[in-house]
Amino acid sequence: MSVVVATPAVNGSQMPLGNQAHPLDPLSTTEILSACELLKVTKKLGAELRFAMVHLHEPPKAEVLAYKAGDPMERSAFLMVFDAKTGETHEAVVNLTLGTLVSWVHHVTEAPPYGQPPVLVEDFMNCDQIVKADEGWRNAVKRRGLTDEDIKLVQVDPFSAGNFGFALEAGKRVVRAVSYYRESLKDNAYSHPIEGVVAVVDLIGKRVLQLVELLVVLVALLVGLRLVVLLVALLVIVWAMITTNKRKR
């Protein structure tokens, strides 16, 4: 298996090829797809595998420095994949020019330093479903004035949890979920954060490990306060404009 060496498309047009190419050019769309397909075939990867990272595997610095425009060059890709059911993670390097698997290494997530693959778009949807199905979280937001119908419109965002030595989280693919109230699907959720409640979510286990709940503040009260602040700000601006015009006269 071999692929055509190319550089990424920008604004719909292909970047220069051939004599204009460089060993450090990022992977093109074609190269990314070829790298994923090569790994799928070579390792017989199933539908549960997720490609968390695919980027250029840079050649040795000496080769880059010695490169001259038009010289033949091999292109390689680095990939990080993990099993969405078990969390098992591997790092791979494939040679795109030769169509071969160069390395396949198990990335340990169950022991220090507990490094995990980055958060994927899919994790946003999964986190939303996990959190909204948790009875403890639902009760917490209801204490803040929301109803079952309101909860349907709540936006739940997963943030990387980091590693702070909490035994409950060790070795797990964990995110901290912060929630935002929306009056409609077109509403700006970030203007209405639901204060004082954060869900610690295990994305592989598909459950809320811990609910961190602090001060209970009614969502309606916060929305009202923000409207009052906005109104006061507008009045101050209008007053300043009127005062300025009077002084000019």
Protein backbone atom coordinates (compact mmCIF):
# COMPACT_ATOMS: atom_id res chain seq x y z
CA MET A 1 0.00 0.00 0.00
CA SER A 2 1.31 3.45 -0.86
CA VAL A 3 -0.10 6.96 -0.82
CA VAL A 4 0.48 10.12 -2.78
CA VAL A 5 2.48 12.61 -0.74
CA ALA A 6 0.50 15.82 -0.43
CA THR A 7 0.09 18.77 1.88
CA PRO A 8 -3.19 20.00 3.38
CA ALA A 9 -5.93 21.71 1.44
CA VAL A 10 -6.40 25.33 2.51
CA ASN A 11 -9.58 27.25 1.66
CA GLY A 12 -10.53 24.58 -0.86
CA SER A 13 -7.22 24.65 -2.77
CA GLN A 14 -4.33 22.25 -2.48
CA MET A 15 -1.05 23.58 -1.11
CA PRO A 16 2.06 23.23 -3.36
CA LEU A 17 3.32 19.71 -4.10
CA GLY A 18 6.47 18.29 -5.69
CA ASN A 19 9.38 20.72 -5.53
CA GLN A 20 7.40 22.92 -3.12
CA ALA A 21 6.80 20.12 -0.59
CA HIS A 22 8.77 19.86 2.66
CA PRO A 23 9.37 16.97 5.09
CA LEU A 24 7.67 18.91 7.90
CA ASP A 25 4.49 19.66 5.96
CA PRO A 26 1.49 18.56 8.08
CA LEU A 27 -0.46 15.53 6.93
CA SER A 28 -2.99 16.07 4.16
CA THR A 29 -6.55 14.81 4.37
CA THR A 30 -5.57 11.95 2.06
CA GLU A 31 -2.62 11.01 4.25
CA ILE A 32 -4.73 11.08 7.43
CA LEU A 33 -7.34 8.79 5.88
CA SER A 34 -4.64 6.49 4.51
CA ALA A 35 -2.91 6.28 7.92
CA CYS A 36 -6.19 5.34 9.64
CA GLU A 37 -7.09 2.77 6.99
CA LEU A 38 -3.61 1.22 7.11
CA LEU A 39 -3.84 0.82 10.89
CA LYS A 40 -7.39 -0.57 10.70
CA VAL A 41 -6.31 -3.26 8.25
CA THR A 42 -2.98 -4.08 9.87
CA LYS A 43 -4.31 -4.39 13.44
CA LYS A 44 -7.83 -5.51 12.47
CA LEU A 45 -9.39 -2.66 14.44
CA GLY A 46 -13.11 -2.87 15.18
CA ALA A 47 -15.87 -0.27 15.28
CA GLU A 48 -15.22 0.41 18.99
CA LEU A 49 -11.77 1.90 18.27
CA ARG A 50 -11.44 5.69 18.23
CA PHE A 51 -8.67 7.72 16.57
CA ALA A 52 -7.88 10.34 19.18
CA MET A 53 -4.83 11.78 17.44
CA VAL A 54 -3.31 11.59 13.94
CA HIS A 55 -0.42 13.82 12.95
CA LEU A 56 2.92 13.87 11.15
CA HIS A 57 5.62 11.66 12.60
CA GLU A 58 8.57 13.95 12.01
CA PRO A 59 11.68 12.53 10.34
CA PRO A 60 15.07 12.79 12.11
CA LYS A 61 16.41 16.34 12.29
CA ALA A 62 19.49 15.41 10.21
CA GLU A 63 17.25 14.30 7.33
CA VAL A 64 15.24 17.52 7.51
CA LEU A 65 18.38 19.68 7.44
CA ALA A 66 19.84 17.71 4.53
CA TYR A 67 16.64 17.85 2.50
CA LYS A 68 16.70 19.75 -0.82
CA ALA A 69 13.66 20.71 -2.84
CA GLY A 70 12.63 17.85 -5.08
CA ASP A 71 14.42 15.14 -3.07
CA PRO A 72 12.38 11.97 -2.50
CA MET A 73 11.15 11.65 1.06
CA GLU A 74 9.28 9.14 3.15
CA ARG A 75 6.18 10.26 5.01
CA SER A 76 5.08 8.75 8.32
CA ALA A 77 2.15 9.35 10.66
CA PHE A 78 1.72 9.05 14.42
CA LEU A 79 -1.64 7.80 15.68
CA MET A 80 -3.19 7.40 19.12
CA VAL A 81 -6.17 5.06 19.30
CA PHE A 82 -8.28 3.80 22.17
CA ASP A 83 -11.07 1.31 22.75
CA ALA A 84 -14.30 3.17 23.61
CA LYS A 85 -15.54 0.17 25.63
CA THR A 86 -12.45 -0.68 27.66
CA GLY A 87 -10.29 2.45 27.46
CA GLU A 88 -7.27 0.43 26.30
CA THR A 89 -4.97 2.82 24.45
CA HIS A 90 -2.19 2.35 21.90
CA GLU A 91 0.25 4.60 20.05
CA ALA A 92 1.29 3.71 16.52
CA VAL A 93 3.59 4.93 13.77
CA VAL A 94 2.89 4.01 10.15
CA ASN A 95 5.07 4.58 7.10
CA LEU A 96 2.75 6.06 4.50
CA THR A 97 5.24 5.80 1.65
CA LEU A 98 5.86 2.07 2.15
CA GLY A 99 2.42 1.27 3.54
CA THR A 100 3.80 -0.47 6.62
CA LEU A 101 3.24 -0.45 10.38
CA VAL A 102 6.43 0.77 12.07
CA SER A 103 5.40 0.49 15.74
CA TRP A 104 2.43 -0.42 17.93
CA VAL A 105 2.89 0.38 21.63
CA HIS A 106 0.47 -0.01 24.53
CA HIS A 107 -0.01 3.34 26.26
CA VAL A 108 -0.52 2.69 29.98
CA THR A 109 -3.39 4.71 31.47
CA GLU A 110 -3.90 2.64 34.64
CA ALA A 111 -0.65 3.71 36.32
CA PRO A 112 1.13 7.05 36.89
CA PRO A 113 1.21 9.50 35.20
CA TYR A 114 -2.30 8.37 34.09
CA GLY A 115 -2.14 10.11 30.70
CA GLN A 116 -5.37 9.83 28.68
CA PRO A 117 -6.23 10.50 25.02
CA PRO A 118 -7.70 13.95 24.37
CA VAL A 119 -11.43 14.65 24.67
CA LEU A 120 -13.31 13.92 21.43
CA VAL A 121 -16.46 15.49 19.99
CA GLU A 122 -18.21 12.18 20.67
CA ASP A 123 -17.37 12.59 24.36
CA PHE A 124 -19.49 15.75 24.49
CA MET A 125 -22.60 13.82 23.44
CA ASN A 126 -21.82 10.86 25.68
CA CYS A 127 -21.16 13.11 28.67
CA ASP A 128 -24.47 14.93 28.14
CA GLN A 129 -26.38 11.62 28.19
CA ILE A 130 -24.50 10.23 31.20
CA VAL A 131 -25.00 13.35 33.31
CA LYS A 132 -28.67 13.86 32.46
CA ALA A 133 -29.40 10.21 33.32
CA ASP A 134 -27.85 10.59 36.79
CA GLU A 135 -30.49 10.98 39.52
CA GLY A 136 -28.15 12.88 41.84
CA TRP A 137 -27.37 15.51 39.19
CA ARG A 138 -31.03 15.86 38.21
CA ASN A 139 -32.00 16.46 41.84
CA ALA A 140 -29.18 18.99 42.21
CA VAL A 141 -30.33 21.14 39.28
CA LYS A 142 -33.95 20.82 40.39
CA ARG A 143 -32.90 22.33 43.72
CA ARG A 144 -31.76 25.27 41.61
CA GLY A 145 -35.24 25.75 40.19
CA LEU A 146 -35.14 23.69 36.97
CA THR A 147 -37.84 21.26 35.85
CA ASP A 148 -37.64 18.05 33.81
CA GLU A 149 -38.53 20.09 30.73
CA ASP A 150 -35.80 22.65 31.52
CA ILE A 151 -33.24 19.84 31.87
CA LYS A 152 -33.81 18.83 28.24
CA LEU A 153 -32.38 22.20 27.18
CA VAL A 154 -29.44 22.19 29.60
CA GLN A 155 -26.04 22.18 27.91
CA VAL A 156 -23.43 19.93 29.54
CA ASP A 157 -19.77 20.55 28.68
CA PRO A 158 -16.98 18.08 29.55
CA PHE A 159 -13.63 19.54 30.62
CA SER A 160 -10.39 17.57 30.96
CA ALA A 161 -10.11 16.57 34.60
CA GLY A 162 -6.33 16.56 34.93
CA ASN A 163 -4.76 14.43 37.64
CA PHE A 164 -4.82 15.62 41.24
CA GLY A 165 -4.20 12.29 42.93
CA PHE A 166 -7.85 11.44 43.65
CA ALA A 167 -8.08 7.66 44.11
CA LEU A 168 -11.62 7.63 42.72
CA GLU A 169 -10.37 8.88 39.34
CA ALA A 170 -7.07 6.98 39.03
CA GLY A 171 -6.73 5.16 35.71
CA LYS A 172 -10.13 6.27 34.42
CA ARG A 173 -11.05 8.39 31.41
CA VAL A 174 -12.54 11.19 33.47
CA VAL A 175 -13.97 14.61 32.67
CA ARG A 176 -15.55 17.28 34.87
CA ALA A 177 -18.94 18.29 33.53
CA VAL A 178 -20.19 21.85 33.94
CA SER A 179 -23.81 22.64 33.06
CA TYR A 180 -25.46 25.69 31.53
CA TYR A 181 -29.13 26.71 31.42
CA ARG A 182 -30.74 27.60 28.08
CA GLU A 183 -34.20 29.06 27.60
CA SER A 184 -34.17 27.67 24.03
CA LEU A 185 -31.78 25.76 21.76
CA LYS A 186 -30.71 29.10 20.24
CA ASP A 187 -29.94 30.65 23.61
CA ASN A 188 -26.34 31.47 24.61
CA ALA A 189 -25.79 28.84 27.29
CA TYR A 190 -22.57 30.40 28.55
CA SER A 191 -24.51 33.40 29.82
CA HIS A 192 -26.41 31.13 32.26
CA PRO A 193 -24.02 28.75 34.06
CA ILE A 194 -25.68 26.52 36.65
CA GLU A 195 -23.66 27.47 39.70
CA GLY A 196 -22.36 25.14 42.39
CA VAL A 197 -22.72 21.73 40.75
CA VAL A 198 -20.03 19.78 38.86
CA ALA A 199 -20.29 16.13 37.81
CA VAL A 200 -17.16 13.97 37.68
CA VAL A 201 -17.83 11.57 34.81
CA ASP A 202 -16.22 8.26 33.85
CA LEU A 203 -16.60 8.19 30.05
CA ILE A 204 -15.68 4.52 29.70
CA GLY A 205 -17.78 3.32 32.63
CA LYS A 206 -20.56 5.68 31.49
CA ARG A 207 -21.43 6.86 34.99
CA VAL A 208 -21.09 9.84 37.32
CA LEU A 209 -18.33 9.01 39.81
CA GLN A 210 -18.92 11.99 42.04
CA LEU A 211 -21.15 15.03 42.26
CA VAL A 212 -19.46 18.13 43.65
CA GLU A 213 -22.17 20.43 44.99
CA LEU A 214 -21.54 23.77 46.65
CA LEU A 215 -23.77 26.79 47.24
CA VAL A 216 -27.32 26.41 45.88
CA VAL A 217 -28.23 29.45 43.78
CA LEU A 218 -31.52 29.54 41.87
CA VAL A 219 -30.97 29.78 38.11
CA ALA A 220 -33.87 32.21 37.74
CA LEU A 221 -32.29 34.50 40.32
CA LEU A 222 -29.00 34.53 38.42
CA VAL A 223 -30.74 35.24 35.13
CA GLY A 224 -32.65 38.09 36.77
CA LEU A 225 -29.51 39.56 38.32
CA ARG A 226 -27.71 39.50 34.98
CA LEU A 227 -30.61 41.33 33.35
CA VAL A 228 -30.51 43.98 36.10
CA VAL A 229 -26.75 44.40 35.65
CA LEU A 230 -27.20 44.73 31.89
CA LEU A 231 -29.94 47.33 32.33
CA VAL A 232 -27.82 49.33 34.78
CA ALA A 233 -24.86 49.20 32.35
CA LEU A 234 -27.04 50.49 29.51
CA LEU A 235 -28.36 53.32 31.70
CA VAL A 236 -24.80 54.31 32.62
CA ILE A 237 -23.80 54.37 28.95
CA VAL A 238 -26.82 56.50 28.01
CA TRP A 239 -26.15 58.87 30.93
CA ALA A 240 -22.50 59.21 29.88
CA MET A 241 -23.49 60.00 26.28
CA ILE A 242 -25.99 62.64 27.40
CA THR A 243 -23.46 64.22 29.77
CA THR A 244 -20.80 64.32 27.04
CA ASN A 245 -23.16 65.99 24.55
CA LYS A 246 -24.11 68.65 27.10
CA ARG A 247 -20.46 69.48 27.72
CA LYS A 248 -19.80 69.86 23.98
CA ARG A 249 -22.58 72.44 23.75
